[in-house]
N, C-alpha and C. Protein backbone atom coordinates (compact mmCIF):
# COMPACT_ATOMS: atom_id res chain seq x y z
N UNK A 1 10.47 31.20 12.05
CA UNK A 1 9.22 30.90 11.39
C UNK A 1 8.23 30.41 12.45
N UNK A 2 6.99 30.72 12.24
CA UNK A 2 5.93 30.32 13.15
C UNK A 2 4.80 29.72 12.33
N UNK A 3 4.25 28.65 12.84
CA UNK A 3 3.11 28.00 12.19
C UNK A 3 1.94 28.05 13.16
N UNK A 4 0.85 28.65 12.73
CA UNK A 4 -0.35 28.72 13.56
C UNK A 4 -1.28 27.57 13.18
N UNK A 5 -1.66 26.80 14.19
CA UNK A 5 -2.55 25.67 13.98
C UNK A 5 -3.73 25.77 14.93
N UNK A 6 -4.87 25.30 14.48
CA UNK A 6 -6.03 25.16 15.37
C UNK A 6 -5.83 23.88 16.18
N UNK A 7 -6.65 23.67 17.19
CA UNK A 7 -6.59 22.45 17.97
C UNK A 7 -6.81 21.24 17.06
N UNK A 8 -7.78 21.33 16.17
CA UNK A 8 -8.07 20.23 15.26
C UNK A 8 -6.88 19.94 14.35
N UNK A 9 -6.25 20.98 13.83
CA UNK A 9 -5.07 20.79 12.98
C UNK A 9 -3.92 20.18 13.78
N UNK A 10 -3.75 20.63 15.01
CA UNK A 10 -2.71 20.08 15.87
C UNK A 10 -2.94 18.58 16.09
N UNK A 11 -4.16 18.19 16.40
CA UNK A 11 -4.46 16.77 16.64
C UNK A 11 -4.30 15.95 15.37
N UNK A 12 -4.59 16.55 14.23
CA UNK A 12 -4.35 15.86 12.96
C UNK A 12 -2.85 15.64 12.77
N UNK A 13 -2.05 16.65 13.09
CA UNK A 13 -0.59 16.53 13.00
C UNK A 13 -0.09 15.43 13.95
N UNK A 14 -0.63 15.37 15.13
CA UNK A 14 -0.26 14.33 16.10
C UNK A 14 -0.55 12.94 15.53
N UNK A 15 -1.73 12.78 14.95
CA UNK A 15 -2.09 11.49 14.35
C UNK A 15 -1.15 11.14 13.20
N UNK A 16 -0.85 12.14 12.38
CA UNK A 16 0.06 11.90 11.25
C UNK A 16 1.46 11.51 11.72
N UNK A 17 1.92 12.12 12.80
CA UNK A 17 3.22 11.75 13.36
C UNK A 17 3.21 10.30 13.82
N UNK A 18 2.15 9.91 14.49
CA UNK A 18 2.04 8.52 14.95
C UNK A 18 2.01 7.55 13.77
N UNK A 19 1.22 7.90 12.76
CA UNK A 19 1.11 7.04 11.58
C UNK A 19 2.42 6.98 10.81
N UNK A 20 3.13 8.09 10.75
CA UNK A 20 4.41 8.11 10.05
C UNK A 20 5.51 7.39 10.79
N UNK A 21 5.49 7.48 12.11
CA UNK A 21 6.52 6.83 12.91
C UNK A 21 6.27 5.35 13.11
N UNK A 22 5.02 4.94 12.96
CA UNK A 22 4.68 3.53 13.17
C UNK A 22 5.50 2.59 12.28
N UNK A 23 5.57 2.79 10.96
CA UNK A 23 6.36 1.83 10.17
C UNK A 23 7.86 1.91 10.47
N UNK A 24 8.34 3.08 10.88
CA UNK A 24 9.75 3.19 11.22
C UNK A 24 10.10 2.25 12.37
N UNK A 25 9.22 2.14 13.33
CA UNK A 25 9.46 1.26 14.47
C UNK A 25 9.34 -0.21 14.14
N UNK A 26 8.74 -0.51 12.99
CA UNK A 26 8.53 -1.89 12.59
C UNK A 26 9.62 -2.42 11.67
N UNK A 27 10.57 -1.57 11.32
CA UNK A 27 11.59 -1.96 10.36
C UNK A 27 12.98 -1.75 10.94
N UNK A 28 13.95 -2.14 10.18
CA UNK A 28 15.35 -1.87 10.53
C UNK A 28 15.76 -0.58 9.85
N UNK A 29 14.91 0.43 9.98
CA UNK A 29 15.14 1.71 9.32
C UNK A 29 16.38 2.39 9.88
N UNK A 30 16.78 3.41 9.20
CA UNK A 30 17.89 4.25 9.61
C UNK A 30 17.68 4.69 11.06
N UNK A 31 18.55 4.25 11.95
CA UNK A 31 18.38 4.53 13.38
C UNK A 31 18.42 6.03 13.68
N UNK A 32 19.21 6.76 12.91
CA UNK A 32 19.26 8.21 13.11
C UNK A 32 17.91 8.84 12.77
N UNK A 33 17.30 8.38 11.69
CA UNK A 33 15.98 8.89 11.31
C UNK A 33 14.94 8.54 12.37
N UNK A 34 14.99 7.32 12.87
CA UNK A 34 14.05 6.89 13.91
C UNK A 34 14.20 7.79 15.13
N UNK A 35 15.40 8.05 15.53
CA UNK A 35 15.66 8.90 16.69
C UNK A 35 15.16 10.33 16.47
N UNK A 36 15.44 10.87 15.29
CA UNK A 36 14.99 12.22 14.97
C UNK A 36 13.46 12.30 14.93
N UNK A 37 12.84 11.28 14.35
CA UNK A 37 11.37 11.25 14.25
C UNK A 37 10.75 11.17 15.64
N UNK A 38 11.31 10.35 16.50
CA UNK A 38 10.77 10.24 17.86
C UNK A 38 10.97 11.54 18.63
N UNK A 39 12.11 12.17 18.43
CA UNK A 39 12.37 13.45 19.08
C UNK A 39 11.39 14.52 18.63
N UNK A 40 11.13 14.56 17.33
CA UNK A 40 10.16 15.52 16.79
C UNK A 40 8.77 15.23 17.33
N UNK A 41 8.41 13.97 17.37
CA UNK A 41 7.11 13.58 17.89
C UNK A 41 6.96 14.02 19.35
N UNK A 42 7.96 13.78 20.17
CA UNK A 42 7.91 14.18 21.57
C UNK A 42 7.82 15.70 21.71
N UNK A 43 8.54 16.42 20.87
CA UNK A 43 8.48 17.88 20.91
C UNK A 43 7.06 18.36 20.58
N UNK A 44 6.48 17.83 19.52
CA UNK A 44 5.13 18.23 19.12
C UNK A 44 4.14 17.86 20.22
N UNK A 45 4.30 16.67 20.81
CA UNK A 45 3.41 16.25 21.90
C UNK A 45 3.53 17.20 23.09
N UNK A 46 4.73 17.72 23.33
CA UNK A 46 4.94 18.60 24.48
C UNK A 46 4.17 19.92 24.35
N UNK A 47 3.69 20.22 23.17
CA UNK A 47 2.95 21.46 22.92
C UNK A 47 1.44 21.30 23.10
N UNK A 48 1.01 20.15 23.55
CA UNK A 48 -0.43 19.84 23.65
C UNK A 48 -1.21 20.90 24.43
N UNK A 49 -0.70 21.32 25.54
CA UNK A 49 -1.43 22.31 26.36
C UNK A 49 -1.56 23.64 25.62
N UNK A 50 -0.55 24.00 24.83
CA UNK A 50 -0.62 25.24 24.05
C UNK A 50 -1.78 25.22 23.06
N UNK A 51 -2.18 24.01 22.65
CA UNK A 51 -3.28 23.85 21.69
C UNK A 51 -4.56 23.38 22.38
N UNK A 52 -4.58 23.49 23.70
CA UNK A 52 -5.74 23.06 24.49
C UNK A 52 -6.10 21.60 24.20
N UNK A 53 -5.05 20.80 24.04
CA UNK A 53 -5.23 19.38 23.74
C UNK A 53 -4.60 18.51 24.83
N UNK A 54 -4.46 19.09 26.01
CA UNK A 54 -3.85 18.37 27.13
C UNK A 54 -4.62 17.13 27.54
N UNK A 55 -5.90 17.07 27.19
CA UNK A 55 -6.69 15.88 27.52
C UNK A 55 -6.42 14.74 26.54
N UNK A 56 -5.75 15.03 25.43
CA UNK A 56 -5.46 14.01 24.41
C UNK A 56 -4.03 13.47 24.49
N UNK A 57 -3.16 14.20 25.19
CA UNK A 57 -1.77 13.79 25.33
C UNK A 57 -1.37 14.02 26.78
N UNK A 58 -0.72 13.03 27.37
CA UNK A 58 -0.31 13.21 28.76
C UNK A 58 1.18 12.91 28.92
N UNK A 59 1.74 13.49 29.94
CA UNK A 59 3.16 13.33 30.22
C UNK A 59 3.34 12.40 31.41
N UNK A 60 4.16 11.38 31.24
CA UNK A 60 4.49 10.45 32.31
C UNK A 60 5.82 10.92 32.92
N UNK A 61 5.72 11.48 34.11
CA UNK A 61 6.91 12.04 34.77
C UNK A 61 7.95 10.97 35.06
N UNK A 62 7.49 9.80 35.45
CA UNK A 62 8.41 8.72 35.79
C UNK A 62 9.25 8.31 34.57
N UNK A 63 8.62 8.24 33.42
CA UNK A 63 9.31 7.84 32.20
C UNK A 63 9.85 9.03 31.41
N UNK A 64 9.45 10.23 31.80
CA UNK A 64 9.85 11.45 31.11
C UNK A 64 9.49 11.34 29.62
N UNK A 65 8.21 11.01 29.38
CA UNK A 65 7.77 10.70 28.02
C UNK A 65 6.30 11.08 27.85
N UNK A 66 5.96 11.58 26.67
CA UNK A 66 4.57 11.93 26.34
C UNK A 66 3.90 10.75 25.65
N UNK A 67 2.63 10.56 25.99
CA UNK A 67 1.82 9.48 25.42
C UNK A 67 0.48 10.02 24.96
N UNK A 68 -0.11 9.31 24.00
CA UNK A 68 -1.47 9.64 23.56
C UNK A 68 -2.49 9.13 24.57
N UNK A 69 -3.61 9.82 24.67
CA UNK A 69 -4.71 9.32 25.48
C UNK A 69 -5.22 8.03 24.83
N UNK A 70 -5.95 7.24 25.60
CA UNK A 70 -6.50 5.99 25.06
C UNK A 70 -7.39 6.26 23.84
N UNK A 71 -8.18 7.31 23.91
CA UNK A 71 -9.08 7.65 22.81
C UNK A 71 -8.29 7.94 21.53
N UNK A 72 -7.27 8.76 21.63
CA UNK A 72 -6.47 9.11 20.45
C UNK A 72 -5.67 7.91 19.97
N UNK A 73 -5.14 7.15 20.91
CA UNK A 73 -4.40 5.94 20.57
C UNK A 73 -5.29 4.95 19.82
N UNK A 74 -6.52 4.77 20.30
CA UNK A 74 -7.47 3.86 19.63
C UNK A 74 -7.79 4.34 18.21
N UNK A 75 -7.91 5.64 18.04
CA UNK A 75 -8.19 6.20 16.71
C UNK A 75 -7.06 5.87 15.75
N UNK A 76 -5.83 6.10 16.19
CA UNK A 76 -4.67 5.82 15.34
C UNK A 76 -4.55 4.32 15.07
N UNK A 77 -4.75 3.51 16.09
CA UNK A 77 -4.64 2.06 15.91
C UNK A 77 -5.71 1.51 14.96
N UNK A 78 -6.90 2.09 14.97
CA UNK A 78 -7.94 1.62 14.05
C UNK A 78 -7.56 1.94 12.61
N UNK A 79 -6.91 3.06 12.38
CA UNK A 79 -6.44 3.41 11.04
C UNK A 79 -5.36 2.42 10.61
N UNK A 80 -4.45 2.12 11.50
CA UNK A 80 -3.38 1.15 11.20
C UNK A 80 -3.96 -0.22 10.93
N UNK A 81 -4.92 -0.66 11.75
CA UNK A 81 -5.54 -1.96 11.55
C UNK A 81 -6.22 -2.06 10.18
N UNK A 82 -6.94 -1.01 9.81
CA UNK A 82 -7.63 -1.00 8.52
C UNK A 82 -6.61 -1.05 7.38
N UNK A 83 -5.55 -0.29 7.52
CA UNK A 83 -4.49 -0.28 6.50
C UNK A 83 -3.85 -1.66 6.38
N UNK A 84 -3.50 -2.26 7.51
CA UNK A 84 -2.87 -3.58 7.48
C UNK A 84 -3.77 -4.63 6.85
N UNK A 85 -5.07 -4.53 7.11
CA UNK A 85 -6.02 -5.48 6.51
C UNK A 85 -6.03 -5.34 4.99
N UNK A 86 -6.08 -4.11 4.51
CA UNK A 86 -6.06 -3.87 3.06
C UNK A 86 -4.76 -4.36 2.43
N UNK A 87 -3.65 -4.07 3.08
CA UNK A 87 -2.35 -4.49 2.56
C UNK A 87 -2.24 -6.01 2.54
N UNK A 88 -2.72 -6.65 3.59
CA UNK A 88 -2.68 -8.11 3.65
C UNK A 88 -3.35 -8.73 2.43
N UNK A 89 -4.60 -8.33 2.16
CA UNK A 89 -5.33 -8.92 1.05
C UNK A 89 -4.70 -8.56 -0.28
N UNK A 90 -4.23 -7.35 -0.43
CA UNK A 90 -3.59 -6.94 -1.68
C UNK A 90 -2.31 -7.74 -1.90
N UNK A 91 -1.49 -7.88 -0.88
CA UNK A 91 -0.24 -8.63 -1.01
C UNK A 91 -0.51 -10.12 -1.26
N UNK A 92 -1.46 -10.68 -0.54
CA UNK A 92 -1.77 -12.09 -0.71
C UNK A 92 -2.23 -12.38 -2.14
N UNK A 93 -3.19 -11.61 -2.63
CA UNK A 93 -3.70 -11.87 -3.98
C UNK A 93 -2.63 -11.61 -5.04
N UNK A 94 -1.81 -10.60 -4.82
CA UNK A 94 -0.75 -10.29 -5.79
C UNK A 94 0.30 -11.41 -5.82
N UNK A 95 0.70 -11.89 -4.67
CA UNK A 95 1.72 -12.95 -4.62
C UNK A 95 1.20 -14.26 -5.21
N UNK A 96 -0.05 -14.61 -4.89
CA UNK A 96 -0.62 -15.83 -5.45
C UNK A 96 -0.77 -15.72 -6.96
N UNK A 97 -1.21 -14.56 -7.43
CA UNK A 97 -1.35 -14.35 -8.87
C UNK A 97 0.01 -14.41 -9.56
N UNK A 98 1.04 -13.89 -8.93
CA UNK A 98 2.39 -13.91 -9.50
C UNK A 98 2.90 -15.34 -9.62
N UNK A 99 2.63 -16.16 -8.59
CA UNK A 99 3.02 -17.57 -8.64
C UNK A 99 2.34 -18.26 -9.81
N UNK A 100 1.02 -18.04 -9.95
CA UNK A 100 0.28 -18.65 -11.06
C UNK A 100 0.79 -18.16 -12.40
N UNK A 101 1.08 -16.88 -12.48
CA UNK A 101 1.57 -16.30 -13.74
C UNK A 101 2.87 -16.96 -14.16
N UNK A 102 3.77 -17.15 -13.23
CA UNK A 102 5.07 -17.77 -13.54
C UNK A 102 4.89 -19.21 -14.02
N UNK A 103 3.86 -19.89 -13.53
CA UNK A 103 3.61 -21.27 -13.92
C UNK A 103 3.01 -21.38 -15.32
N UNK A 104 2.25 -20.37 -15.73
CA UNK A 104 1.47 -20.54 -16.96
C UNK A 104 1.90 -19.67 -18.14
N UNK A 105 2.55 -18.59 -17.90
CA UNK A 105 2.79 -17.64 -18.99
C UNK A 105 4.00 -18.06 -19.82
N UNK A 106 3.90 -17.83 -21.10
CA UNK A 106 4.99 -18.08 -22.04
C UNK A 106 6.09 -17.04 -21.80
N UNK A 107 7.30 -17.49 -21.71
CA UNK A 107 8.44 -16.60 -21.46
C UNK A 107 8.55 -15.53 -22.54
N UNK A 108 8.06 -15.82 -23.73
CA UNK A 108 8.14 -14.87 -24.84
C UNK A 108 6.95 -13.92 -24.91
N UNK A 109 6.04 -14.05 -23.98
CA UNK A 109 4.87 -13.15 -23.97
C UNK A 109 5.34 -11.72 -23.73
N UNK A 110 4.59 -10.80 -24.28
CA UNK A 110 4.95 -9.38 -24.10
C UNK A 110 4.67 -8.94 -22.66
N UNK A 111 5.28 -7.86 -22.28
CA UNK A 111 5.04 -7.30 -20.95
C UNK A 111 3.56 -7.00 -20.78
N UNK A 112 2.95 -6.45 -21.80
CA UNK A 112 1.52 -6.13 -21.73
C UNK A 112 0.69 -7.38 -21.48
N UNK A 113 1.01 -8.47 -22.17
CA UNK A 113 0.28 -9.73 -21.97
C UNK A 113 0.48 -10.24 -20.54
N UNK A 114 1.69 -10.14 -20.04
CA UNK A 114 1.98 -10.60 -18.68
C UNK A 114 1.21 -9.77 -17.65
N UNK A 115 1.22 -8.46 -17.83
CA UNK A 115 0.53 -7.57 -16.89
C UNK A 115 -0.97 -7.82 -16.93
N UNK A 116 -1.52 -7.95 -18.13
CA UNK A 116 -2.96 -8.22 -18.25
C UNK A 116 -3.34 -9.54 -17.58
N UNK A 117 -2.50 -10.55 -17.80
CA UNK A 117 -2.80 -11.84 -17.20
C UNK A 117 -2.66 -11.78 -15.68
N UNK A 118 -1.67 -11.05 -15.20
CA UNK A 118 -1.48 -10.90 -13.76
C UNK A 118 -2.72 -10.27 -13.14
N UNK A 119 -3.25 -9.23 -13.77
CA UNK A 119 -4.45 -8.58 -13.22
C UNK A 119 -5.67 -9.50 -13.28
N UNK A 120 -5.77 -10.34 -14.31
CA UNK A 120 -6.87 -11.30 -14.38
C UNK A 120 -6.78 -12.31 -13.23
N UNK A 121 -5.58 -12.82 -13.02
CA UNK A 121 -5.38 -13.78 -11.95
C UNK A 121 -5.62 -13.15 -10.58
N UNK A 122 -5.14 -11.94 -10.40
CA UNK A 122 -5.34 -11.23 -9.14
C UNK A 122 -6.83 -11.01 -8.88
N UNK A 123 -7.56 -10.63 -9.92
CA UNK A 123 -9.01 -10.41 -9.78
C UNK A 123 -9.71 -11.71 -9.40
N UNK A 124 -9.25 -12.82 -9.93
CA UNK A 124 -9.84 -14.12 -9.59
C UNK A 124 -9.63 -14.43 -8.10
N UNK A 125 -8.42 -14.18 -7.61
CA UNK A 125 -8.15 -14.40 -6.18
C UNK A 125 -8.94 -13.43 -5.31
N UNK A 126 -9.03 -12.19 -5.73
CA UNK A 126 -9.79 -11.20 -4.96
C UNK A 126 -11.24 -11.63 -4.82
N UNK A 127 -11.82 -12.10 -5.92
CA UNK A 127 -13.21 -12.58 -5.89
C UNK A 127 -13.35 -13.78 -4.95
N UNK A 128 -12.41 -14.71 -5.07
CA UNK A 128 -12.45 -15.91 -4.23
C UNK A 128 -12.40 -15.53 -2.75
N UNK A 129 -11.43 -14.68 -2.38
CA UNK A 129 -11.27 -14.32 -0.97
C UNK A 129 -12.40 -13.45 -0.46
N UNK A 130 -12.99 -12.66 -1.33
CA UNK A 130 -14.14 -11.85 -0.94
C UNK A 130 -15.31 -12.76 -0.56
N UNK A 131 -15.45 -13.85 -1.32
CA UNK A 131 -16.54 -14.78 -1.06
C UNK A 131 -16.24 -15.75 0.08
N UNK A 132 -14.96 -16.15 0.24
CA UNK A 132 -14.63 -17.23 1.18
C UNK A 132 -13.70 -16.85 2.32
N UNK A 133 -13.05 -15.71 2.22
CA UNK A 133 -12.04 -15.39 3.23
C UNK A 133 -10.95 -16.44 3.19
N UNK A 134 -10.43 -16.78 4.34
CA UNK A 134 -9.39 -17.81 4.42
C UNK A 134 -9.93 -19.15 4.90
N UNK A 135 -11.25 -19.23 5.03
CA UNK A 135 -11.86 -20.43 5.62
C UNK A 135 -11.58 -21.72 4.86
N UNK A 136 -11.43 -21.66 3.55
CA UNK A 136 -11.25 -22.88 2.77
C UNK A 136 -9.80 -23.13 2.37
N UNK A 137 -8.88 -22.40 3.00
CA UNK A 137 -7.46 -22.54 2.66
C UNK A 137 -6.82 -23.55 3.60
N UNK A 138 -6.17 -24.56 3.02
CA UNK A 138 -5.41 -25.54 3.77
C UNK A 138 -3.96 -25.45 3.33
N UNK A 139 -3.10 -25.26 4.28
CA UNK A 139 -1.67 -25.17 3.99
C UNK A 139 -1.00 -26.36 4.66
N UNK A 140 -0.24 -27.08 3.89
CA UNK A 140 0.42 -28.27 4.43
C UNK A 140 1.71 -27.91 5.08
C-alpha cells in the first residue's frame, strides 16, 4: 500500500505524531506501545526529505535520532500548552464543584438533580476563576 501526501499533509502528520506521543511519555503507559510509537515517529521523520520538509526535521548523527526544528517544536508545544491550560481549569472547577456537591447534596437526590447541581457549582467556579484567576486563593 502507498499513501501519497503533500508536504503540508506530511507536516500535519508529524505534528499529530508528536501530539499523540506526548501523553504516552508522560504516563506509565504500555512500554511496548511507547516503543512502537517512537519507532513509527522516527520512521515518519526519516521521510522528511522525500516530502521536501528537511528544513523542519533534522537528523542528529551523534544520537542517531531525528528531531523537530525549533519552529515546528514551538508550534507543537504551543498546542500542548493551550491544551494543558484548558484541562487545568476544567479539572480544577470540576473537582471543586464535586467537593461542594458531596457536602451539600442529599444522598437520596436523583442523578439528574446531582448532575444539574454539579454543573451549577462548576459554572460558579468557572465564573469566579475567569474574574480572579488564582490570585485570591490561599491554601493552608
